[in-house]
Amino acid sequence: MSKSPNMQDIVITREYDYPVELVWKAWTDPTLVMKWWGPAHYTSPRCVIDFREGGKYVFAMRAPETHGGTESYSAGVYKKIVPMQRLEFNQYLSDRDGNAIDPVQVGVPADFPKNIEFIIEFIAKGEQTELKITEYGWTAGEMLKYAIMGMNESLDKLAAHIDDFK
């Protein structure tokens, strides 16, 4: 889906020893998203989800005090929802209310995209779930590396907390 040679997609696949219904719930229930969203040592103090096609979400992420303790927000719109199978949405940096912010204007490096398209696939394998996350629209560079690291750390937190979601 990348259109130019300096663009790169991110594909991350994880397997969870939990049924698809639980992994789906972890991505769609705001109280559960707040328990795992964000890289290691970050928290998610606020999450608003209007879970329907055309509905908007806003996720907050708070840095640890050692990194300034600042809050940042990302938002987007759900474009396609196939229950227990697939989520398609976009994501962009936003203010607390979900209004888009130009990454460069808030001091984020220029290689951070203004808009990222996501496809999350939930693949049921009996009592296990394969989760495949594809992100489109990244520019090859330092921010791409941080995005991969951040998503992997978030997914590590999801794995560590999913037992609590039952």
N, C-alpha and C. Protein backbone atom coordinates (compact mmCIF):
# COMPACT_ATOMS: atom_id res chain seq x y z
N MET A 1 0.81 -1.20 0.00
CA MET A 1 0.00 0.00 0.00
C MET A 1 0.86 1.27 0.00
N SER A 2 2.13 1.17 0.40
CA SER A 2 3.00 2.34 0.37
C SER A 2 3.18 2.80 -1.06
N LYS A 3 3.21 4.13 -1.24
CA LYS A 3 3.20 4.68 -2.58
C LYS A 3 4.56 5.11 -3.10
N SER A 4 5.52 5.37 -2.21
CA SER A 4 6.82 5.81 -2.68
C SER A 4 7.91 5.03 -1.97
N PRO A 5 9.12 5.04 -2.54
CA PRO A 5 10.19 4.23 -1.98
C PRO A 5 10.58 4.62 -0.54
N ASN A 6 10.34 5.87 -0.15
CA ASN A 6 10.69 6.26 1.21
C ASN A 6 9.56 5.98 2.21
N MET A 7 8.47 5.39 1.73
CA MET A 7 7.36 5.01 2.61
C MET A 7 7.51 3.54 2.99
N GLN A 8 7.09 3.23 4.20
CA GLN A 8 7.19 1.86 4.66
C GLN A 8 5.98 1.52 5.51
N ASP A 9 5.47 0.31 5.33
CA ASP A 9 4.39 -0.18 6.16
C ASP A 9 4.98 -0.90 7.37
N ILE A 10 4.23 -0.92 8.44
CA ILE A 10 4.60 -1.68 9.63
C ILE A 10 3.63 -2.86 9.71
N VAL A 11 4.17 -4.05 9.90
CA VAL A 11 3.34 -5.24 10.12
C VAL A 11 3.87 -5.94 11.37
N ILE A 12 2.99 -6.09 12.35
CA ILE A 12 3.34 -6.76 13.60
C ILE A 12 2.31 -7.85 13.85
N THR A 13 2.79 -9.05 14.13
CA THR A 13 1.89 -10.16 14.40
C THR A 13 2.21 -10.71 15.78
N ARG A 14 1.15 -10.96 16.54
CA ARG A 14 1.29 -11.54 17.88
C ARG A 14 0.29 -12.67 18.05
N GLU A 15 0.64 -13.63 18.87
CA GLU A 15 -0.29 -14.71 19.22
C GLU A 15 -0.59 -14.61 20.70
N TYR A 16 -1.86 -14.75 21.04
CA TYR A 16 -2.30 -14.71 22.43
C TYR A 16 -3.01 -16.02 22.75
N ASP A 17 -2.76 -16.52 23.94
CA ASP A 17 -3.40 -17.76 24.39
C ASP A 17 -4.77 -17.47 24.99
N TYR A 18 -5.54 -16.67 24.29
CA TYR A 18 -6.88 -16.27 24.72
C TYR A 18 -7.80 -16.27 23.52
N PRO A 19 -9.09 -16.50 23.74
CA PRO A 19 -10.03 -16.50 22.62
C PRO A 19 -10.17 -15.11 22.00
N VAL A 20 -10.56 -15.09 20.75
CA VAL A 20 -10.66 -13.85 19.99
C VAL A 20 -11.59 -12.84 20.68
N GLU A 21 -12.63 -13.31 21.35
CA GLU A 21 -13.57 -12.39 22.00
C GLU A 21 -12.86 -11.52 23.04
N LEU A 22 -11.92 -12.10 23.77
CA LEU A 22 -11.21 -11.35 24.80
C LEU A 22 -10.22 -10.36 24.19
N VAL A 23 -9.51 -10.78 23.16
CA VAL A 23 -8.55 -9.88 22.50
C VAL A 23 -9.32 -8.73 21.82
N TRP A 24 -10.45 -9.04 21.21
CA TRP A 24 -11.31 -8.02 20.59
C TRP A 24 -11.74 -7.00 21.65
N LYS A 25 -12.21 -7.49 22.78
CA LYS A 25 -12.68 -6.63 23.87
C LYS A 25 -11.55 -5.71 24.35
N ALA A 26 -10.32 -6.23 24.41
CA ALA A 26 -9.18 -5.43 24.84
C ALA A 26 -8.93 -4.24 23.93
N TRP A 27 -9.31 -4.36 22.65
CA TRP A 27 -9.12 -3.27 21.68
C TRP A 27 -10.33 -2.34 21.57
N THR A 28 -11.47 -2.75 22.09
CA THR A 28 -12.70 -1.99 21.83
C THR A 28 -13.37 -1.44 23.08
N ASP A 29 -12.97 -1.87 24.25
CA ASP A 29 -13.54 -1.40 25.51
C ASP A 29 -12.59 -0.35 26.09
N PRO A 30 -13.03 0.91 26.20
CA PRO A 30 -12.13 1.97 26.65
C PRO A 30 -11.49 1.71 28.01
N THR A 31 -12.20 1.09 28.93
CA THR A 31 -11.62 0.82 30.25
C THR A 31 -10.48 -0.19 30.15
N LEU A 32 -10.53 -1.08 29.18
CA LEU A 32 -9.46 -2.05 28.98
C LEU A 32 -8.30 -1.44 28.19
N VAL A 33 -8.60 -0.63 27.18
CA VAL A 33 -7.55 0.02 26.40
C VAL A 33 -6.64 0.83 27.32
N MET A 34 -7.23 1.49 28.32
CA MET A 34 -6.44 2.33 29.23
C MET A 34 -5.46 1.50 30.06
N LYS A 35 -5.66 0.22 30.16
CA LYS A 35 -4.77 -0.63 30.96
C LYS A 35 -3.51 -1.04 30.21
N TRP A 36 -3.52 -0.90 28.87
CA TRP A 36 -2.36 -1.38 28.12
C TRP A 36 -1.84 -0.43 27.05
N TRP A 37 -2.57 0.60 26.72
CA TRP A 37 -2.16 1.46 25.60
C TRP A 37 -0.92 2.27 25.97
N GLY A 38 0.03 2.33 25.08
CA GLY A 38 1.24 3.14 25.24
C GLY A 38 2.45 2.28 25.53
N PRO A 39 3.62 2.84 25.24
CA PRO A 39 4.87 2.10 25.46
C PRO A 39 5.09 1.81 26.95
N ALA A 40 6.11 1.02 27.22
CA ALA A 40 6.47 0.68 28.61
C ALA A 40 6.65 1.97 29.41
N HIS A 41 6.17 1.95 30.63
CA HIS A 41 6.29 3.05 31.60
C HIS A 41 5.36 4.22 31.29
N TYR A 42 4.62 4.18 30.21
CA TYR A 42 3.60 5.19 29.92
C TYR A 42 2.26 4.67 30.43
N THR A 43 1.37 5.59 30.75
CA THR A 43 0.03 5.21 31.15
C THR A 43 -0.97 5.80 30.17
N SER A 44 -2.19 5.33 30.25
CA SER A 44 -3.27 5.86 29.42
C SER A 44 -4.39 6.30 30.36
N PRO A 45 -4.38 7.58 30.77
CA PRO A 45 -5.35 8.05 31.75
C PRO A 45 -6.74 8.32 31.21
N ARG A 46 -6.89 8.32 29.89
CA ARG A 46 -8.19 8.65 29.30
C ARG A 46 -8.33 7.97 27.96
N CYS A 47 -9.52 7.46 27.70
CA CYS A 47 -9.80 6.81 26.41
C CYS A 47 -11.29 6.97 26.14
N VAL A 48 -11.60 7.53 24.99
CA VAL A 48 -12.99 7.70 24.58
C VAL A 48 -13.15 6.97 23.25
N ILE A 49 -14.15 6.09 23.18
CA ILE A 49 -14.38 5.32 21.95
C ILE A 49 -15.86 5.39 21.60
N ASP A 50 -16.15 5.91 20.41
CA ASP A 50 -17.49 5.83 19.83
C ASP A 50 -17.41 4.68 18.83
N PHE A 51 -17.67 3.47 19.31
CA PHE A 51 -17.37 2.27 18.55
C PHE A 51 -18.46 1.93 17.54
N ARG A 52 -18.32 2.54 16.38
CA ARG A 52 -19.20 2.29 15.24
C ARG A 52 -18.46 2.80 14.00
N GLU A 53 -18.83 2.30 12.84
CA GLU A 53 -18.22 2.82 11.62
C GLU A 53 -18.57 4.30 11.51
N GLY A 54 -17.56 5.13 11.33
CA GLY A 54 -17.73 6.58 11.33
C GLY A 54 -17.55 7.19 12.71
N GLY A 55 -17.45 6.35 13.75
CA GLY A 55 -17.25 6.83 15.11
C GLY A 55 -15.79 7.18 15.36
N LYS A 56 -15.58 8.10 16.29
CA LYS A 56 -14.25 8.60 16.58
C LYS A 56 -13.75 8.04 17.91
N TYR A 57 -12.45 7.95 18.02
CA TYR A 57 -11.83 7.58 19.29
C TYR A 57 -10.75 8.60 19.62
N VAL A 58 -10.45 8.75 20.91
CA VAL A 58 -9.35 9.58 21.38
C VAL A 58 -8.66 8.80 22.49
N PHE A 59 -7.37 8.53 22.32
CA PHE A 59 -6.56 7.82 23.31
C PHE A 59 -5.56 8.81 23.89
N ALA A 60 -5.47 8.86 25.22
CA ALA A 60 -4.46 9.67 25.89
C ALA A 60 -3.29 8.79 26.28
N MET A 61 -2.11 9.38 26.29
CA MET A 61 -0.91 8.68 26.71
C MET A 61 -0.10 9.66 27.57
N ARG A 62 0.26 9.21 28.77
CA ARG A 62 1.04 10.07 29.68
C ARG A 62 2.43 9.49 29.85
N ALA A 63 3.42 10.36 29.60
CA ALA A 63 4.81 9.97 29.76
C ALA A 63 5.13 9.81 31.25
N PRO A 64 6.10 8.97 31.58
CA PRO A 64 6.52 8.87 32.97
C PRO A 64 7.13 10.20 33.42
N GLU A 65 7.14 10.43 34.72
CA GLU A 65 7.70 11.68 35.25
C GLU A 65 9.15 11.89 34.80
N THR A 66 9.90 10.80 34.66
CA THR A 66 11.29 10.90 34.22
C THR A 66 11.41 11.42 32.79
N HIS A 67 10.29 11.41 32.04
CA HIS A 67 10.26 11.94 30.68
C HIS A 67 9.34 13.17 30.58
N GLY A 68 9.11 13.82 31.72
CA GLY A 68 8.33 15.06 31.72
C GLY A 68 6.89 14.91 32.14
N GLY A 69 6.34 13.71 32.13
CA GLY A 69 4.97 13.49 32.57
C GLY A 69 3.90 14.13 31.69
N THR A 70 4.25 14.50 30.49
CA THR A 70 3.29 15.18 29.61
C THR A 70 2.28 14.19 29.03
N GLU A 71 1.11 14.73 28.74
CA GLU A 71 0.06 13.94 28.09
C GLU A 71 0.03 14.28 26.61
N SER A 72 -0.15 13.26 25.79
CA SER A 72 -0.35 13.46 24.36
C SER A 72 -1.56 12.63 23.96
N TYR A 73 -2.10 12.97 22.81
CA TYR A 73 -3.35 12.34 22.37
C TYR A 73 -3.22 11.89 20.92
N SER A 74 -3.89 10.80 20.63
CA SER A 74 -4.06 10.36 19.26
C SER A 74 -5.55 10.07 19.07
N ALA A 75 -6.01 10.31 17.86
CA ALA A 75 -7.43 10.13 17.57
C ALA A 75 -7.56 9.56 16.17
N GLY A 76 -8.77 9.17 15.86
CA GLY A 76 -9.04 8.65 14.53
C GLY A 76 -10.49 8.27 14.40
N VAL A 77 -10.81 7.73 13.23
CA VAL A 77 -12.18 7.35 12.91
C VAL A 77 -12.19 5.90 12.46
N TYR A 78 -13.15 5.14 12.99
CA TYR A 78 -13.34 3.75 12.57
C TYR A 78 -13.98 3.74 11.19
N LYS A 79 -13.31 3.10 10.25
CA LYS A 79 -13.80 3.05 8.87
C LYS A 79 -14.54 1.76 8.56
N LYS A 80 -14.07 0.66 9.17
CA LYS A 80 -14.72 -0.63 8.94
C LYS A 80 -14.58 -1.46 10.21
N ILE A 81 -15.68 -2.07 10.62
CA ILE A 81 -15.70 -2.94 11.79
C ILE A 81 -16.36 -4.25 11.39
N VAL A 82 -15.62 -5.33 11.47
CA VAL A 82 -16.15 -6.67 11.27
C VAL A 82 -15.95 -7.37 12.61
N PRO A 83 -17.00 -7.48 13.42
CA PRO A 83 -16.85 -7.99 14.78
C PRO A 83 -16.05 -9.29 14.86
N MET A 84 -15.11 -9.28 15.79
CA MET A 84 -14.23 -10.42 16.11
C MET A 84 -13.26 -10.77 14.98
N GLN A 85 -13.21 -9.92 13.92
CA GLN A 85 -12.34 -10.24 12.79
C GLN A 85 -11.43 -9.10 12.35
N ARG A 86 -11.99 -7.87 12.27
CA ARG A 86 -11.20 -6.81 11.61
C ARG A 86 -11.64 -5.42 12.05
N LEU A 87 -10.64 -4.58 12.27
CA LEU A 87 -10.86 -3.15 12.50
C LEU A 87 -10.03 -2.38 11.48
N GLU A 88 -10.65 -1.39 10.85
CA GLU A 88 -9.92 -0.47 9.97
C GLU A 88 -10.20 0.93 10.46
N PHE A 89 -9.14 1.70 10.67
CA PHE A 89 -9.28 3.06 11.17
C PHE A 89 -8.05 3.86 10.82
N ASN A 90 -8.15 5.16 10.97
CA ASN A 90 -6.98 5.99 10.81
C ASN A 90 -6.58 6.53 12.18
N GLN A 91 -5.38 7.11 12.24
CA GLN A 91 -4.90 7.68 13.49
C GLN A 91 -4.03 8.89 13.19
N TYR A 92 -4.17 9.92 14.03
CA TYR A 92 -3.39 11.14 13.89
C TYR A 92 -3.18 11.73 15.28
N LEU A 93 -2.16 12.56 15.40
CA LEU A 93 -1.96 13.29 16.66
C LEU A 93 -3.10 14.28 16.81
N SER A 94 -3.55 14.45 18.05
CA SER A 94 -4.70 15.32 18.27
C SER A 94 -4.57 16.07 19.59
N ASP A 95 -5.51 16.99 19.78
CA ASP A 95 -5.65 17.62 21.08
C ASP A 95 -6.56 16.72 21.92
N ARG A 96 -6.85 17.14 23.13
CA ARG A 96 -7.65 16.35 24.06
C ARG A 96 -9.04 16.00 23.50
N ASP A 97 -9.56 16.87 22.62
CA ASP A 97 -10.89 16.66 22.06
C ASP A 97 -10.89 15.89 20.74
N GLY A 98 -9.72 15.47 20.28
CA GLY A 98 -9.65 14.68 19.06
C GLY A 98 -9.47 15.49 17.79
N ASN A 99 -9.20 16.80 17.92
CA ASN A 99 -8.94 17.63 16.75
C ASN A 99 -7.50 17.42 16.29
N ALA A 100 -7.32 17.22 14.99
CA ALA A 100 -5.99 16.92 14.44
C ALA A 100 -5.01 18.04 14.72
N ILE A 101 -3.77 17.64 14.99
CA ILE A 101 -2.65 18.55 15.22
C ILE A 101 -1.56 18.18 14.24
N ASP A 102 -0.93 19.18 13.63
CA ASP A 102 0.21 18.94 12.75
C ASP A 102 1.39 18.52 13.62
N PRO A 103 1.94 17.32 13.41
CA PRO A 103 3.04 16.85 14.26
C PRO A 103 4.22 17.82 14.35
N VAL A 104 4.59 18.44 13.23
CA VAL A 104 5.73 19.36 13.21
C VAL A 104 5.47 20.58 14.10
N GLN A 105 4.23 21.06 14.11
CA GLN A 105 3.91 22.25 14.90
C GLN A 105 3.99 22.00 16.40
N VAL A 106 3.97 20.74 16.83
CA VAL A 106 4.09 20.45 18.26
C VAL A 106 5.46 19.84 18.58
N GLY A 107 6.40 19.99 17.66
CA GLY A 107 7.78 19.59 17.93
C GLY A 107 8.12 18.15 17.64
N VAL A 108 7.23 17.43 16.95
CA VAL A 108 7.50 16.05 16.58
C VAL A 108 8.32 16.08 15.28
N PRO A 109 9.32 15.21 15.14
CA PRO A 109 10.13 15.21 13.92
C PRO A 109 9.29 15.11 12.65
N ALA A 110 9.82 15.68 11.58
CA ALA A 110 9.11 15.79 10.31
C ALA A 110 8.77 14.43 9.69
N ASP A 111 9.46 13.35 10.11
CA ASP A 111 9.15 12.05 9.52
C ASP A 111 7.98 11.35 10.21
N PHE A 112 7.30 12.04 11.13
CA PHE A 112 6.10 11.49 11.75
C PHE A 112 4.91 11.85 10.86
N PRO A 113 4.15 10.85 10.38
CA PRO A 113 3.07 11.13 9.43
C PRO A 113 1.90 11.89 10.08
N LYS A 114 1.23 12.68 9.26
CA LYS A 114 0.03 13.38 9.72
C LYS A 114 -1.14 12.43 9.87
N ASN A 115 -1.12 11.35 9.12
CA ASN A 115 -2.21 10.37 9.15
C ASN A 115 -1.64 8.98 8.92
N ILE A 116 -2.09 8.02 9.72
CA ILE A 116 -1.68 6.63 9.59
C ILE A 116 -2.94 5.79 9.44
N GLU A 117 -2.95 4.91 8.48
CA GLU A 117 -4.07 3.99 8.29
C GLU A 117 -3.73 2.66 8.95
N PHE A 118 -4.67 2.11 9.70
CA PHE A 118 -4.49 0.86 10.42
C PHE A 118 -5.47 -0.20 9.92
N ILE A 119 -5.00 -1.44 9.88
CA ILE A 119 -5.86 -2.61 9.76
C ILE A 119 -5.42 -3.56 10.86
N ILE A 120 -6.36 -3.92 11.72
CA ILE A 120 -6.10 -4.88 12.79
C ILE A 120 -6.93 -6.13 12.45
N GLU A 121 -6.25 -7.26 12.32
CA GLU A 121 -6.92 -8.51 12.03
C GLU A 121 -6.87 -9.41 13.26
N PHE A 122 -8.02 -9.95 13.62
CA PHE A 122 -8.17 -10.86 14.75
C PHE A 122 -8.46 -12.24 14.17
N ILE A 123 -7.51 -13.14 14.25
CA ILE A 123 -7.64 -14.44 13.62
C ILE A 123 -7.82 -15.49 14.71
N ALA A 124 -9.04 -16.05 14.78
CA ALA A 124 -9.36 -17.05 15.79
C ALA A 124 -8.69 -18.37 15.43
N LYS A 125 -8.02 -18.94 16.43
CA LYS A 125 -7.38 -20.25 16.28
C LYS A 125 -7.75 -21.07 17.50
N GLY A 126 -9.01 -21.49 17.54
CA GLY A 126 -9.50 -22.21 18.71
C GLY A 126 -9.55 -21.27 19.90
N GLU A 127 -8.86 -21.62 20.97
CA GLU A 127 -8.81 -20.77 22.16
C GLU A 127 -7.66 -19.77 22.10
N GLN A 128 -7.02 -19.67 20.94
CA GLN A 128 -5.94 -18.71 20.74
C GLN A 128 -6.35 -17.69 19.69
N THR A 129 -5.64 -16.57 19.71
CA THR A 129 -5.90 -15.51 18.74
C THR A 129 -4.60 -15.02 18.15
N GLU A 130 -4.56 -14.96 16.83
CA GLU A 130 -3.45 -14.29 16.16
C GLU A 130 -3.91 -12.86 15.87
N LEU A 131 -3.11 -11.90 16.28
CA LEU A 131 -3.40 -10.49 16.06
C LEU A 131 -2.40 -9.98 15.05
N LYS A 132 -2.90 -9.42 13.94
CA LYS A 132 -2.02 -8.87 12.92
C LYS A 132 -2.35 -7.39 12.76
N ILE A 133 -1.35 -6.56 13.02
CA ILE A 133 -1.51 -5.11 12.94
C ILE A 133 -0.71 -4.61 11.75
N THR A 134 -1.37 -3.90 10.86
CA THR A 134 -0.68 -3.29 9.72
C THR A 134 -0.93 -1.79 9.77
N GLU A 135 0.15 -1.02 9.72
CA GLU A 135 0.08 0.44 9.71
C GLU A 135 0.64 0.93 8.38
N TYR A 136 -0.11 1.79 7.71
CA TYR A 136 0.28 2.32 6.41
C TYR A 136 0.54 3.82 6.53
N GLY A 137 1.57 4.30 5.85
CA GLY A 137 1.78 5.74 5.78
C GLY A 137 3.00 6.25 6.52
N TRP A 138 3.87 5.35 6.95
CA TRP A 138 5.08 5.77 7.65
C TRP A 138 6.18 6.13 6.68
N THR A 139 6.94 7.15 7.01
CA THR A 139 8.14 7.50 6.28
C THR A 139 9.30 6.76 6.92
N ALA A 140 10.14 6.15 6.11
CA ALA A 140 11.30 5.46 6.65
C ALA A 140 12.15 6.47 7.41
N GLY A 141 12.48 6.17 8.66
CA GLY A 141 13.28 7.08 9.48
C GLY A 141 13.17 6.75 10.95
N GLU A 142 13.66 7.64 11.78
CA GLU A 142 13.72 7.42 13.22
C GLU A 142 12.35 7.21 13.85
N MET A 143 11.35 7.98 13.43
CA MET A 143 10.02 7.85 14.03
C MET A 143 9.40 6.49 13.72
N LEU A 144 9.71 5.92 12.57
CA LEU A 144 9.25 4.58 12.23
C LEU A 144 9.77 3.58 13.26
N LYS A 145 11.04 3.70 13.63
CA LYS A 145 11.63 2.80 14.62
C LYS A 145 10.92 2.95 15.96
N TYR A 146 10.61 4.18 16.36
CA TYR A 146 9.91 4.41 17.63
C TYR A 146 8.48 3.88 17.57
N ALA A 147 7.85 3.98 16.42
CA ALA A 147 6.48 3.47 16.27
C ALA A 147 6.45 1.95 16.45
N ILE A 148 7.40 1.26 15.85
CA ILE A 148 7.47 -0.19 15.98
C ILE A 148 7.74 -0.57 17.43
N MET A 149 8.70 0.11 18.05
CA MET A 149 9.03 -0.16 19.44
C MET A 149 7.82 0.12 20.35
N GLY A 150 7.15 1.25 20.13
CA GLY A 150 6.00 1.61 20.95
C GLY A 150 4.85 0.63 20.83
N MET A 151 4.55 0.19 19.61
CA MET A 151 3.47 -0.77 19.43
C MET A 151 3.83 -2.10 20.07
N ASN A 152 5.06 -2.54 19.90
CA ASN A 152 5.47 -3.80 20.51
C ASN A 152 5.41 -3.72 22.04
N GLU A 153 5.81 -2.59 22.60
CA GLU A 153 5.73 -2.44 24.06
C GLU A 153 4.27 -2.40 24.52
N SER A 154 3.41 -1.76 23.75
CA SER A 154 1.98 -1.77 24.08
C SER A 154 1.43 -3.18 24.06
N LEU A 155 1.80 -3.94 23.04
CA LEU A 155 1.32 -5.32 22.94
C LEU A 155 1.89 -6.21 24.05
N ASP A 156 3.09 -5.90 24.51
CA ASP A 156 3.64 -6.60 25.67
C ASP A 156 2.78 -6.31 26.91
N LYS A 157 2.38 -5.06 27.06
CA LYS A 157 1.52 -4.69 28.19
C LYS A 157 0.16 -5.38 28.08
N LEU A 158 -0.37 -5.46 26.86
CA LEU A 158 -1.63 -6.17 26.65
C LEU A 158 -1.49 -7.62 27.10
N ALA A 159 -0.41 -8.27 26.69
CA ALA A 159 -0.18 -9.67 27.07
C ALA A 159 -0.07 -9.81 28.59
N ALA A 160 0.54 -8.85 29.24
CA ALA A 160 0.73 -8.91 30.69
C ALA A 160 -0.57 -8.70 31.46
N HIS A 161 -1.52 -7.96 30.86
CA HIS A 161 -2.76 -7.61 31.57
C HIS A 161 -3.99 -8.35 31.11
N ILE A 162 -3.92 -9.06 29.99
CA ILE A 162 -5.13 -9.63 29.40
C ILE A 162 -5.82 -10.61 30.34
N ASP A 163 -5.06 -11.27 31.19
CA ASP A 163 -5.66 -12.19 32.15
C ASP A 163 -6.66 -11.46 33.07
N ASP A 164 -6.40 -10.18 33.32
CA ASP A 164 -7.28 -9.37 34.18
C ASP A 164 -8.59 -9.00 33.49
N PHE A 165 -8.68 -9.19 32.18
CA PHE A 165 -9.84 -8.73 31.40
C PHE A 165 -10.98 -9.73 31.38
N LYS A 166 -10.74 -10.93 31.91
CA LYS A 166 -11.76 -12.00 31.86
C LYS A 166 -12.97 -11.64 32.68
